[in-house]
Amino acid sequence: MGKDNAELGKILMKSFIYTVSETSPYPKTLIFYNEGVRLTCEDSQVLDDIKKLEDLGVEIISCGTCLDYLNLKENLKIGSISNMYTIYEKLKDPASNIIIG
């Protein structure tokens, strides 16, 4: 969240994901793109909270192009790999989806 202070951004994102996992109603989908895909990969500090959301029925998708670009496809630990067609379909219903980039 934000770009001027990377460490603060990590703290804010961790707090945000935790808050989403503790607050209902839950979103239908969490969409991760750009650097946000790192949150669904190995060594992410929020994997447990994202897993909790997935167990509650929240769809977790990560941008395949982003994972490829960042050489992270093999490190994906949660959710599924998606493409822009699916992401666009999800964006058409923004009230029920959360986008993390």
PDB file of N, CA and C in Angstrom:
ATOM      1  N   MET A   1       0.863  -1.175   0.000  1.00  0.00           N
ATOM      2  CA  MET A   1       0.000   0.000   0.000  1.00  0.00           C
ATOM      3  C   MET A   1       0.897   1.221   0.000  1.00  0.00           C
ATOM      4  N   GLY A   2       0.801   1.973  -1.041  1.00  0.00           N
ATOM      5  CA  GLY A   2       1.673   3.120  -1.200  1.00  0.00           C
ATOM      6  C   GLY A   2       3.000   2.702  -1.790  1.00  0.00           C
ATOM      7  N   LYS A   3       3.830   3.684  -2.100  1.00  0.00           N
ATOM      8  CA  LYS A   3       5.119   3.337  -2.689  1.00  0.00           C
ATOM      9  C   LYS A   3       6.287   4.143  -2.137  1.00  0.00           C
ATOM     10  N   ASP A   4       6.023   5.147  -1.355  1.00  0.00           N
ATOM     11  CA  ASP A   4       7.114   5.981  -0.871  1.00  0.00           C
ATOM     12  C   ASP A   4       7.916   5.329   0.247  1.00  0.00           C
ATOM     13  N   ASN A   5       7.271   4.505   1.044  1.00  0.00           N
ATOM     14  CA  ASN A   5       7.954   3.839   2.152  1.00  0.00           C
ATOM     15  C   ASN A   5       7.598   2.360   2.098  1.00  0.00           C
ATOM     16  N   ALA A   6       8.495   1.550   1.563  1.00  0.00           N
ATOM     17  CA  ALA A   6       8.226   0.122   1.354  1.00  0.00           C
ATOM     18  C   ALA A   6       7.941  -0.608   2.667  1.00  0.00           C
ATOM     19  N   GLU A   7       8.677  -0.295   3.707  1.00  0.00           N
ATOM     20  CA  GLU A   7       8.476  -0.977   4.985  1.00  0.00           C
ATOM     21  C   GLU A   7       7.095  -0.658   5.566  1.00  0.00           C
ATOM     22  N   LEU A   8       6.699   0.603   5.510  1.00  0.00           N
ATOM     23  CA  LEU A   8       5.365   0.989   5.969  1.00  0.00           C
ATOM     24  C   LEU A   8       4.299   0.314   5.114  1.00  0.00           C
ATOM     25  N   GLY A   9       4.522   0.230   3.818  1.00  0.00           N
ATOM     26  CA  GLY A   9       3.581  -0.439   2.922  1.00  0.00           C
ATOM     27  C   GLY A   9       3.368  -1.890   3.300  1.00  0.00           C
ATOM     28  N   LYS A  10       4.432  -2.589   3.678  1.00  0.00           N
ATOM     29  CA  LYS A  10       4.328  -3.987   4.107  1.00  0.00           C
ATOM     30  C   LYS A  10       3.499  -4.104   5.384  1.00  0.00           C
ATOM     31  N   ILE A  11       3.723  -3.198   6.313  1.00  0.00           N
ATOM     32  CA  ILE A  11       2.964  -3.203   7.569  1.00  0.00           C
ATOM     33  C   ILE A  11       1.486  -2.954   7.291  1.00  0.00           C
ATOM     34  N   LEU A  12       1.207  -1.977   6.447  1.00  0.00           N
ATOM     35  CA  LEU A  12      -0.182  -1.653   6.123  1.00  0.00           C
ATOM     36  C   LEU A  12      -0.872  -2.804   5.398  1.00  0.00           C
ATOM     37  N   MET A  13      -0.183  -3.441   4.463  1.00  0.00           N
ATOM     38  CA  MET A  13      -0.785  -4.544   3.722  1.00  0.00           C
ATOM     39  C   MET A  13      -1.062  -5.725   4.636  1.00  0.00           C
ATOM     40  N   LYS A  14      -0.145  -6.021   5.522  1.00  0.00           N
ATOM     41  CA  LYS A  14      -0.353  -7.115   6.482  1.00  0.00           C
ATOM     42  C   LYS A  14      -1.583  -6.824   7.337  1.00  0.00           C
ATOM     43  N   SER A  15      -1.704  -5.602   7.807  1.00  0.00           N
ATOM     44  CA  SER A  15      -2.857  -5.210   8.609  1.00  0.00           C
ATOM     45  C   SER A  15      -4.149  -5.272   7.792  1.00  0.00           C
ATOM     46  N   PHE A  16      -4.084  -4.854   6.541  1.00  0.00           N
ATOM     47  CA  PHE A  16      -5.257  -4.864   5.670  1.00  0.00           C
ATOM     48  C   PHE A  16      -5.754  -6.295   5.436  1.00  0.00           C
ATOM     49  N   ILE A  17      -4.845  -7.190   5.061  1.00  0.00           N
ATOM     50  CA  ILE A  17      -5.235  -8.579   4.797  1.00  0.00           C
ATOM     51  C   ILE A  17      -5.805  -9.217   6.064  1.00  0.00           C
ATOM     52  N   TYR A  18      -5.191  -8.954   7.206  1.00  0.00           N
ATOM     53  CA  TYR A  18      -5.709  -9.481   8.464  1.00  0.00           C
ATOM     54  C   TYR A  18      -7.125  -8.956   8.718  1.00  0.00           C
ATOM     55  N   THR A  19      -7.331  -7.669   8.515  1.00  0.00           N
ATOM     56  CA  THR A  19      -8.646  -7.067   8.733  1.00  0.00           C
ATOM     57  C   THR A  19      -9.691  -7.696   7.819  1.00  0.00           C
ATOM     58  N   VAL A  20      -9.346  -7.912   6.562  1.00  0.00           N
ATOM     59  CA  VAL A  20     -10.279  -8.567   5.635  1.00  0.00           C
ATOM     60  C   VAL A  20     -10.623  -9.964   6.134  1.00  0.00           C
ATOM     61  N   SER A  21      -9.634 -10.681   6.663  1.00  0.00           N
ATOM     62  CA  SER A  21      -9.865 -12.051   7.125  1.00  0.00           C
ATOM     63  C   SER A  21     -10.714 -12.110   8.392  1.00  0.00           C
ATOM     64  N   GLU A  22     -10.826 -11.012   9.097  1.00  0.00           N
ATOM     65  CA  GLU A  22     -11.565 -10.965  10.356  1.00  0.00           C
ATOM     66  C   GLU A  22     -12.907 -10.247  10.244  1.00  0.00           C
ATOM     67  N   THR A  23     -13.260  -9.771   9.072  1.00  0.00           N
ATOM     68  CA  THR A  23     -14.442  -8.935   8.912  1.00  0.00           C
ATOM     69  C   THR A  23     -15.357  -9.518   7.847  1.00  0.00           C
ATOM     70  N   SER A  24     -16.607  -9.739   8.221  1.00  0.00           N
ATOM     71  CA  SER A  24     -17.568 -10.213   7.229  1.00  0.00           C
ATOM     72  C   SER A  24     -18.559  -9.086   6.910  1.00  0.00           C
ATOM     73  N   PRO A  25     -19.182  -9.111   5.751  1.00  0.00           N
ATOM     74  CA  PRO A  25     -19.110 -10.188   4.772  1.00  0.00           C
ATOM     75  C   PRO A  25     -17.761 -10.183   4.057  1.00  0.00           C
ATOM     76  N   TYR A  26     -17.353 -11.371   3.657  1.00  0.00           N
ATOM     77  CA  TYR A  26     -16.081 -11.526   2.966  1.00  0.00           C
ATOM     78  C   TYR A  26     -16.258 -11.218   1.481  1.00  0.00           C
ATOM     79  N   PRO A  27     -15.193 -10.755   0.838  1.00  0.00           N
ATOM     80  CA  PRO A  27     -15.298 -10.518  -0.607  1.00  0.00           C
ATOM     81  C   PRO A  27     -15.441 -11.850  -1.334  1.00  0.00           C
ATOM     82  N   LYS A  28     -15.957 -11.801  -2.551  1.00  0.00           N
ATOM     83  CA  LYS A  28     -16.037 -13.013  -3.372  1.00  0.00           C
ATOM     84  C   LYS A  28     -14.648 -13.432  -3.832  1.00  0.00           C
ATOM     85  N   THR A  29     -13.844 -12.444  -4.179  1.00  0.00           N
ATOM     86  CA  THR A  29     -12.551 -12.719  -4.792  1.00  0.00           C
ATOM     87  C   THR A  29     -11.506 -11.734  -4.299  1.00  0.00           C
ATOM     88  N   LEU A  30     -10.283 -12.216  -4.093  1.00  0.00           N
ATOM     89  CA  LEU A  30      -9.120 -11.357  -3.905  1.00  0.00           C
ATOM     90  C   LEU A  30      -8.282 -11.513  -5.170  1.00  0.00           C
ATOM     91  N   ILE A  31      -7.980 -10.406  -5.820  1.00  0.00           N
ATOM     92  CA  ILE A  31      -7.217 -10.407  -7.061  1.00  0.00           C
ATOM     93  C   ILE A  31      -5.855  -9.776  -6.782  1.00  0.00           C
ATOM     94  N   PHE A  32      -4.804 -10.522  -7.046  1.00  0.00           N
ATOM     95  CA  PHE A  32      -3.445 -10.044  -6.819  1.00  0.00           C
ATOM     96  C   PHE A  32      -2.756  -9.840  -8.162  1.00  0.00           C
ATOM     97  N   TYR A  33      -2.171  -8.657  -8.352  1.00  0.00           N
ATOM     98  CA  TYR A  33      -1.448  -8.373  -9.591  1.00  0.00           C
ATOM     99  C   TYR A  33      -0.247  -7.500  -9.284  1.00  0.00           C
ATOM    100  N   ASN A  34       0.603  -7.307 -10.284  1.00  0.00           N
ATOM    101  CA  ASN A  34       1.858  -6.569 -10.145  1.00  0.00           C
ATOM    102  C   ASN A  34       2.614  -7.150  -8.939  1.00  0.00           C
ATOM    103  N   GLU A  35       3.247  -6.313  -8.133  1.00  0.00           N
ATOM    104  CA  GLU A  35       4.015  -6.795  -6.979  1.00  0.00           C
ATOM    105  C   GLU A  35       3.130  -7.467  -5.924  1.00  0.00           C
ATOM    106  N   GLY A  36       1.820  -7.223  -6.002  1.00  0.00           N
ATOM    107  CA  GLY A  36       0.896  -7.843  -5.053  1.00  0.00           C
ATOM    108  C   GLY A  36       0.893  -9.357  -5.120  1.00  0.00           C
ATOM    109  N   VAL A  37       1.310  -9.939  -6.261  1.00  0.00           N
ATOM    110  CA  VAL A  37       1.344 -11.408  -6.364  1.00  0.00           C
ATOM    111  C   VAL A  37       2.323 -12.007  -5.362  1.00  0.00           C
ATOM    112  N   ARG A  38       3.278 -11.232  -4.912  1.00  0.00           N
ATOM    113  CA  ARG A  38       4.236 -11.741  -3.913  1.00  0.00           C
ATOM    114  C   ARG A  38       3.528 -12.198  -2.638  1.00  0.00           C
ATOM    115  N   LEU A  39       2.367 -11.628  -2.358  1.00  0.00           N
ATOM    116  CA  LEU A  39       1.626 -11.975  -1.146  1.00  0.00           C
ATOM    117  C   LEU A  39       1.059 -13.390  -1.193  1.00  0.00           C
ATOM    118  N   THR A  40       0.942 -13.968  -2.371  1.00  0.00           N
ATOM    119  CA  THR A  40       0.408 -15.324  -2.511  1.00  0.00           C
ATOM    120  C   THR A  40       1.519 -16.358  -2.701  1.00  0.00           C
ATOM    121  N   CYS A  41       2.742 -15.919  -2.570  1.00  0.00           N
ATOM    122  CA  CYS A  41       3.896 -16.785  -2.833  1.00  0.00           C
ATOM    123  C   CYS A  41       4.647 -17.144  -1.553  1.00  0.00           C
ATOM    124  N   GLU A  42       5.534 -18.107  -1.706  1.00  0.00           N
ATOM    125  CA  GLU A  42       6.401 -18.569  -0.633  1.00  0.00           C
ATOM    126  C   GLU A  42       7.006 -17.380   0.122  1.00  0.00           C
ATOM    127  N   ASP A  43       7.096 -17.507   1.426  1.00  0.00           N
ATOM    128  CA  ASP A  43       7.685 -16.509   2.328  1.00  0.00           C
ATOM    129  C   ASP A  43       6.818 -15.273   2.564  1.00  0.00           C
ATOM    130  N   SER A  44       5.586 -15.260   2.066  1.00  0.00           N
ATOM    131  CA  SER A  44       4.681 -14.148   2.349  1.00  0.00           C
ATOM    132  C   SER A  44       4.263 -14.189   3.811  1.00  0.00           C
ATOM    133  N   GLN A  45       4.242 -13.030   4.442  1.00  0.00           N
ATOM    134  CA  GLN A  45       3.850 -12.948   5.848  1.00  0.00           C
ATOM    135  C   GLN A  45       2.342 -13.010   6.040  1.00  0.00           C
ATOM    136  N   VAL A  46       1.578 -13.019   4.955  1.00  0.00           N
ATOM    137  CA  VAL A  46       0.120 -13.028   5.078  1.00  0.00           C
ATOM    138  C   VAL A  46      -0.518 -14.310   4.537  1.00  0.00           C
ATOM    139  N   LEU A  47       0.277 -15.327   4.262  1.00  0.00           N
ATOM    140  CA  LEU A  47      -0.272 -16.565   3.708  1.00  0.00           C
ATOM    141  C   LEU A  47      -1.341 -17.181   4.609  1.00  0.00           C
ATOM    142  N   ASP A  48      -1.142 -17.174   5.905  1.00  0.00           N
ATOM    143  CA  ASP A  48      -2.124 -17.765   6.817  1.00  0.00           C
ATOM    144  C   ASP A  48      -3.467 -17.047   6.735  1.00  0.00           C
ATOM    145  N   ASP A  49      -3.443 -15.721   6.680  1.00  0.00           N
ATOM    146  CA  ASP A  49      -4.688 -14.958   6.591  1.00  0.00           C
ATOM    147  C   ASP A  49      -5.366 -15.163   5.238  1.00  0.00           C
ATOM    148  N   ILE A  50      -4.572 -15.246   4.177  1.00  0.00           N
ATOM    149  CA  ILE A  50      -5.152 -15.497   2.854  1.00  0.00           C
ATOM    150  C   ILE A  50      -5.726 -16.910   2.806  1.00  0.00           C
ATOM    151  N   LYS A  51      -5.048 -17.883   3.417  1.00  0.00           N
ATOM    152  CA  LYS A  51      -5.548 -19.251   3.477  1.00  0.00           C
ATOM    153  C   LYS A  51      -6.866 -19.296   4.235  1.00  0.00           C
ATOM    154  N   LYS A  52      -6.965 -18.547   5.309  1.00  0.00           N
ATOM    155  CA  LYS A  52      -8.216 -18.490   6.078  1.00  0.00           C
ATOM    156  C   LYS A  52      -9.346 -18.002   5.188  1.00  0.00           C
ATOM    157  N   LEU A  53      -9.077 -16.959   4.412  1.00  0.00           N
ATOM    158  CA  LEU A  53     -10.097 -16.430   3.507  1.00  0.00           C
ATOM    159  C   LEU A  53     -10.481 -17.464   2.448  1.00  0.00           C
ATOM    160  N   GLU A  54      -9.484 -18.154   1.910  1.00  0.00           N
ATOM    161  CA  GLU A  54      -9.770 -19.186   0.909  1.00  0.00           C
ATOM    162  C   GLU A  54     -10.642 -20.288   1.531  1.00  0.00           C
ATOM    163  N   ASP A  55     -10.330 -20.684   2.767  1.00  0.00           N
ATOM    164  CA  ASP A  55     -11.115 -21.703   3.457  1.00  0.00           C
ATOM    165  C   ASP A  55     -12.551 -21.242   3.711  1.00  0.00           C
ATOM    166  N   LEU A  56     -12.748 -19.928   3.783  1.00  0.00           N
ATOM    167  CA  LEU A  56     -14.084 -19.362   3.982  1.00  0.00           C
ATOM    168  C   LEU A  56     -14.827 -19.172   2.654  1.00  0.00           C
ATOM    169  N   GLY A  57     -14.206 -19.590   1.567  1.00  0.00           N
ATOM    170  CA  GLY A  57     -14.877 -19.520   0.271  1.00  0.00           C
ATOM    171  C   GLY A  57     -14.478 -18.362  -0.617  1.00  0.00           C
ATOM    172  N   VAL A  58     -13.517 -17.566  -0.183  1.00  0.00           N
ATOM    173  CA  VAL A  58     -13.046 -16.448  -1.007  1.00  0.00           C
ATOM    174  C   VAL A  58     -12.129 -16.998  -2.097  1.00  0.00           C
ATOM    175  N   GLU A  59     -12.412 -16.630  -3.335  1.00  0.00           N
ATOM    176  CA  GLU A  59     -11.564 -17.043  -4.454  1.00  0.00           C
ATOM    177  C   GLU A  59     -10.289 -16.198  -4.444  1.00  0.00           C
ATOM    178  N   ILE A  60      -9.148 -16.843  -4.565  1.00  0.00           N
ATOM    179  CA  ILE A  60      -7.849 -16.165  -4.569  1.00  0.00           C
ATOM    180  C   ILE A  60      -7.240 -16.372  -5.953  1.00  0.00           C
ATOM    181  N   ILE A  61      -6.989 -15.267  -6.667  1.00  0.00           N
ATOM    182  CA  ILE A  61      -6.366 -15.394  -7.984  1.00  0.00           C
ATOM    183  C   ILE A  61      -5.174 -14.442  -8.098  1.00  0.00           C
ATOM    184  N   SER A  62      -4.146 -14.932  -8.765  1.00  0.00           N
ATOM    185  CA  SER A  62      -2.935 -14.138  -9.011  1.00  0.00           C
ATOM    186  C   SER A  62      -2.723 -14.037 -10.516  1.00  0.00           C
ATOM    187  N   CYS A  63      -2.283 -12.889 -10.957  1.00  0.00           N
ATOM    188  CA  CYS A  63      -2.019 -12.623 -12.369  1.00  0.00           C
ATOM    189  C   CYS A  63      -0.841 -13.472 -12.858  1.00  0.00           C
ATOM    190  N   GLY A  64      -1.099 -14.317 -13.854  1.00  0.00           N
ATOM    191  CA  GLY A  64      -0.050 -15.172 -14.395  1.00  0.00           C
ATOM    192  C   GLY A  64       1.062 -14.395 -15.065  1.00  0.00           C
ATOM    193  N   THR A  65       0.717 -13.332 -15.780  1.00  0.00           N
ATOM    194  CA  THR A  65       1.737 -12.495 -16.424  1.00  0.00           C
ATOM    195  C   THR A  65       2.665 -11.892 -15.384  1.00  0.00           C
ATOM    196  N   CYS A  66       2.092 -11.451 -14.271  1.00  0.00           N
ATOM    197  CA  CYS A  66       2.886 -10.855 -13.191  1.00  0.00           C
ATOM    198  C   CYS A  66       3.797 -11.897 -12.553  1.00  0.00           C
ATOM    199  N   LEU A  67       3.263 -13.076 -12.299  1.00  0.00           N
ATOM    200  CA  LEU A  67       4.077 -14.152 -11.724  1.00  0.00           C
ATOM    201  C   LEU A  67       5.229 -14.512 -12.653  1.00  0.00           C
ATOM    202  N   ASP A  68       4.943 -14.583 -13.955  1.00  0.00           N
ATOM    203  CA  ASP A  68       6.002 -14.878 -14.937  1.00  0.00           C
ATOM    204  C   ASP A  68       7.060 -13.779 -14.950  1.00  0.00           C
ATOM    205  N   TYR A  69       6.620 -12.544 -15.004  1.00  0.00           N
ATOM    206  CA  TYR A  69       7.542 -11.410 -15.091  1.00  0.00           C
ATOM    207  C   TYR A  69       8.478 -11.360 -13.884  1.00  0.00           C
ATOM    208  N   LEU A  70       7.926 -11.676 -12.720  1.00  0.00           N
ATOM    209  CA  LEU A  70       8.708 -11.637 -11.476  1.00  0.00           C
ATOM    210  C   LEU A  70       9.379 -12.977 -11.161  1.00  0.00           C
ATOM    211  N   ASN A  71       9.276 -13.933 -12.088  1.00  0.00           N
ATOM    212  CA  ASN A  71       9.857 -15.274 -11.901  1.00  0.00           C
ATOM    213  C   ASN A  71       9.369 -15.930 -10.603  1.00  0.00           C
ATOM    214  N   LEU A  72       8.060 -15.836 -10.356  1.00  0.00           N
ATOM    215  CA  LEU A  72       7.492 -16.359  -9.115  1.00  0.00           C
ATOM    216  C   LEU A  72       6.494 -17.491  -9.325  1.00  0.00           C
ATOM    217  N   LYS A  73       6.255 -17.877 -10.559  1.00  0.00           N
ATOM    218  CA  LYS A  73       5.208 -18.870 -10.818  1.00  0.00           C
ATOM    219  C   LYS A  73       5.418 -20.149 -10.006  1.00  0.00           C
ATOM    220  N   GLU A  74       6.641 -20.573  -9.869  1.00  0.00           N
ATOM    221  CA  GLU A  74       6.947 -21.797  -9.113  1.00  0.00           C
ATOM    222  C   GLU A  74       6.805 -21.595  -7.606  1.00  0.00           C
ATOM    223  N   ASN A  75       6.739 -20.348  -7.158  1.00  0.00           N
ATOM    224  CA  ASN A  75       6.661 -20.039  -5.725  1.00  0.00           C
ATOM    225  C   ASN A  75       5.230 -19.821  -5.236  1.00  0.00           C
ATOM    226  N   LEU A  76       4.256 -19.863  -6.137  1.00  0.00           N
ATOM    227  CA  LEU A  76       2.861 -19.639  -5.747  1.00  0.00           C
ATOM    228  C   LEU A  76       2.446 -20.693  -4.727  1.00  0.00           C
ATOM    229  N   LYS A  77       1.877 -20.257  -3.624  1.00  0.00           N
ATOM    230  CA  LYS A  77       1.500 -21.168  -2.539  1.00  0.00           C
ATOM    231  C   LYS A  77       0.005 -21.225  -2.297  1.00  0.00           C
ATOM    232  N   ILE A  78      -0.745 -20.266  -2.804  1.00  0.00           N
ATOM    233  CA  ILE A  78      -2.175 -20.247  -2.507  1.00  0.00           C
ATOM    234  C   ILE A  78      -2.939 -19.640  -3.674  1.00  0.00           C
ATOM    235  N   GLY A  79      -4.113 -20.170  -3.903  1.00  0.00           N
ATOM    236  CA  GLY A  79      -4.963 -19.652  -4.963  1.00  0.00           C
ATOM    237  C   GLY A  79      -4.592 -20.206  -6.324  1.00  0.00           C
ATOM    238  N   SER A  80      -5.132 -19.566  -7.346  1.00  0.00           N
ATOM    239  CA  SER A  80      -4.906 -20.026  -8.711  1.00  0.00           C
ATOM    240  C   SER A  80      -4.285 -18.924  -9.559  1.00  0.00           C
ATOM    241  N   ILE A  81      -3.716 -19.355 -10.664  1.00  0.00           N
ATOM    242  CA  ILE A  81      -3.122 -18.428 -11.628  1.00  0.00           C
ATOM    243  C   ILE A  81      -4.210 -18.040 -12.622  1.00  0.00           C
ATOM    244  N   SER A  82      -4.283 -16.758 -12.892  1.00  0.00           N
ATOM    245  CA  SER A  82      -5.328 -16.256 -13.770  1.00  0.00           C
ATOM    246  C   SER A  82      -4.739 -15.438 -14.905  1.00  0.00           C
ATOM    247  N   ASN A  83      -5.613 -14.922 -15.740  1.00  0.00           N
ATOM    248  CA  ASN A  83      -5.196 -14.081 -16.856  1.00  0.00           C
ATOM    249  C   ASN A  83      -6.037 -12.806 -16.875  1.00  0.00           C
ATOM    250  N   MET A  84      -5.733 -11.914 -17.779  1.00  0.00           N
ATOM    251  CA  MET A  84      -6.433 -10.635 -17.831  1.00  0.00           C
ATOM    252  C   MET A  84      -7.913 -10.784 -18.171  1.00  0.00           C
ATOM    253  N   TYR A  85      -8.273 -11.799 -18.927  1.00  0.00           N
ATOM    254  CA  TYR A  85      -9.692 -12.002 -19.235  1.00  0.00           C
ATOM    255  C   TYR A  85     -10.486 -12.257 -17.962  1.00  0.00           C
ATOM    256  N   THR A  86      -9.974 -13.140 -17.121  1.00  0.00           N
ATOM    257  CA  THR A  86     -10.648 -13.438 -15.856  1.00  0.00           C
ATOM    258  C   THR A  86     -10.614 -12.235 -14.924  1.00  0.00           C
ATOM    259  N   ILE A  87      -9.473 -11.574 -14.845  1.00  0.00           N
ATOM    260  CA  ILE A  87      -9.363 -10.396 -13.981  1.00  0.00           C
ATOM    261  C   ILE A  87     -10.355  -9.322 -14.423  1.00  0.00           C
ATOM    262  N   TYR A  88     -10.470  -9.113 -15.729  1.00  0.00           N
ATOM    263  CA  TYR A  88     -11.434  -8.126 -16.235  1.00  0.00           C
ATOM    264  C   TYR A  88     -12.861  -8.513 -15.843  1.00  0.00           C
ATOM    265  N   GLU A  89     -13.201  -9.784 -15.984  1.00  0.00           N
ATOM    266  CA  GLU A  89     -14.543 -10.235 -15.605  1.00  0.00           C
ATOM    267  C   GLU A  89     -14.811  -9.938 -14.130  1.00  0.00           C
ATOM    268  N   LYS A  90     -13.823 -10.170 -13.292  1.00  0.00           N
ATOM    269  CA  LYS A  90     -13.977  -9.896 -11.862  1.00  0.00           C
ATOM    270  C   LYS A  90     -14.089  -8.391 -11.597  1.00  0.00           C
ATOM    271  N   LEU A  91     -13.348  -7.589 -12.354  1.00  0.00           N
ATOM    272  CA  LEU A  91     -13.377  -6.137 -12.160  1.00  0.00           C
ATOM    273  C   LEU A  91     -14.725  -5.526 -12.549  1.00  0.00           C
ATOM    274  N   LYS A  92     -15.477  -6.216 -13.377  1.00  0.00           N
ATOM    275  CA  LYS A  92     -16.795  -5.703 -13.762  1.00  0.00           C
ATOM    276  C   LYS A  92     -17.761  -5.726 -12.589  1.00  0.00           C
ATOM    277  N   ASP A  93     -17.417  -6.436 -11.518  1.00  0.00           N
ATOM    278  CA  ASP A  93     -18.243  -6.506 -10.319  1.00  0.00           C
ATOM    279  C   ASP A  93     -17.414  -6.063  -9.113  1.00  0.00           C
ATOM    280  N   PRO A  94     -16.958  -4.791  -9.113  1.00  0.00           N
ATOM    281  CA  PRO A  94     -16.013  -4.344  -8.085  1.00  0.00           C
ATOM    282  C   PRO A  94     -16.557  -4.327  -6.663  1.00  0.00           C
ATOM    283  N   ALA A  95     -17.862  -4.328  -6.487  1.00  0.00           N
ATOM    284  CA  ALA A  95     -18.411  -4.268  -5.137  1.00  0.00           C
ATOM    285  C   ALA A  95     -18.139  -5.537  -4.344  1.00  0.00           C
ATOM    286  N   SER A  96     -17.870  -6.646  -5.038  1.00  0.00           N
ATOM    287  CA  SER A  96     -17.699  -7.898  -4.314  1.00  0.00           C
ATOM    288  C   SER A  96     -16.278  -8.463  -4.423  1.00  0.00           C
ATOM    289  N   ASN A  97     -15.358  -7.680  -4.951  1.00  0.00           N
ATOM    290  CA  ASN A  97     -13.995  -8.140  -5.152  1.00  0.00           C
ATOM    291  C   ASN A  97     -13.009  -7.124  -4.588  1.00  0.00           C
ATOM    292  N   ILE A  98     -11.861  -7.608  -4.154  1.00  0.00           N
ATOM    293  CA  ILE A  98     -10.808  -6.735  -3.680  1.00  0.00           C
ATOM    294  C   ILE A  98      -9.601  -6.951  -4.583  1.00  0.00           C
ATOM    295  N   ILE A  99      -9.057  -5.860  -5.082  1.00  0.00           N
ATOM    296  CA  ILE A  99      -7.919  -5.913  -5.993  1.00  0.00           C
ATOM    297  C   ILE A  99      -6.682  -5.429  -5.252  1.00  0.00           C
ATOM    298  N   ILE A 100      -5.607  -6.228  -5.294  1.00  0.00           N
ATOM    299  CA  ILE A 100      -4.387  -5.874  -4.593  1.00  0.00           C
ATOM    300  C   ILE A 100      -3.242  -5.866  -5.592  1.00  0.00           C
ATOM    301  N   GLY A 101      -2.700  -4.673  -5.856  1.00  0.00           N
ATOM    302  CA  GLY A 101      -1.634  -4.570  -6.847  1.00  0.00           C
ATOM    303  C   GLY A 101      -0.383  -3.990  -6.278  1.00  0.00           C
TER     304      GLY A 101
END
